[in-house]
Amino acid sequence: MMTETSLTWRQQTVALSVPIECIGEIYFPCARSGASLVTVAKRNHSMPTMLDDDTLAFAHKVFNHCRNGDSAELATLLDAGLPANLLTSTGDSLLMLASYHGRTETTRLLLDHGGDPSLANDRAQTPLAGAVFKGDHAIVELLLEYGAEVDQLPPGGKTALMFAAMFNRTDLLLRLIEAGADSEMRDSEGKTALQLAQAMGATDTAAYLRSVAPRASAQG
């Protein structure tokens, strides 16, 4: 029989129906599909398929800790065995939540605990692409420092450099190229960063990409 786990959360004790170290991924109901609440067990653990209200509330608090940058609270949970790669209903990892909201300290904390910068959400967006979209230089540097794949192209998605090109972020475009990004890569529709920039009216990044395109082609 599985033993319940109790956690003290801001003077409130929350009893979980599963041990904290067993929680793998948490998914929430989708109004569109009517999907059930399920958990995906970590290897070698037996898990129920339904989440009770306390576990659901606990997960929401974890996600909000990441969004709000509550590093001290989150560190306590991670040290107690909370997996660093929990996912929301839309596939956002804890790292995505923290990095997208510009929480540098929390982002580093999650990376130090094994947060995976390669996890893309259901919209095929990676933490690095999200940070580029937000124009957050500190988060971009942090993710690169921890080995985020600069040219990661999730199925149906775009690279971080493509986001920089589309949203006219020339400084980040240059930084990604410096880090080894390939400006000639194509997305699932066959479009390059230059073509995407032109379609978005991103004049500065388009001008730069045009200026380096012949050189890139010659090197290729």
Foldseek 3Di string as FASTA:
>chain_A
DADWDWDQDPNDIFIFPHQQQFFDEWEDADPVVRDATATDTDPPDDDDGHGDPSVVVVVVVLLVCLLVLVQVRNLVSLVSRHQQFYAYNQQQGSLLNNLLNPNLVNNVSSLVSPHDQLRATNQQDGSLLSNLLVVPPSSNVVCVVSPRDQADAGAQGHGSLLSCLLVLVVVVNVVSVVSPYDQQDAHPVGDGSLRNNVVNVNPNSNVVCVVCVVVSVVVD
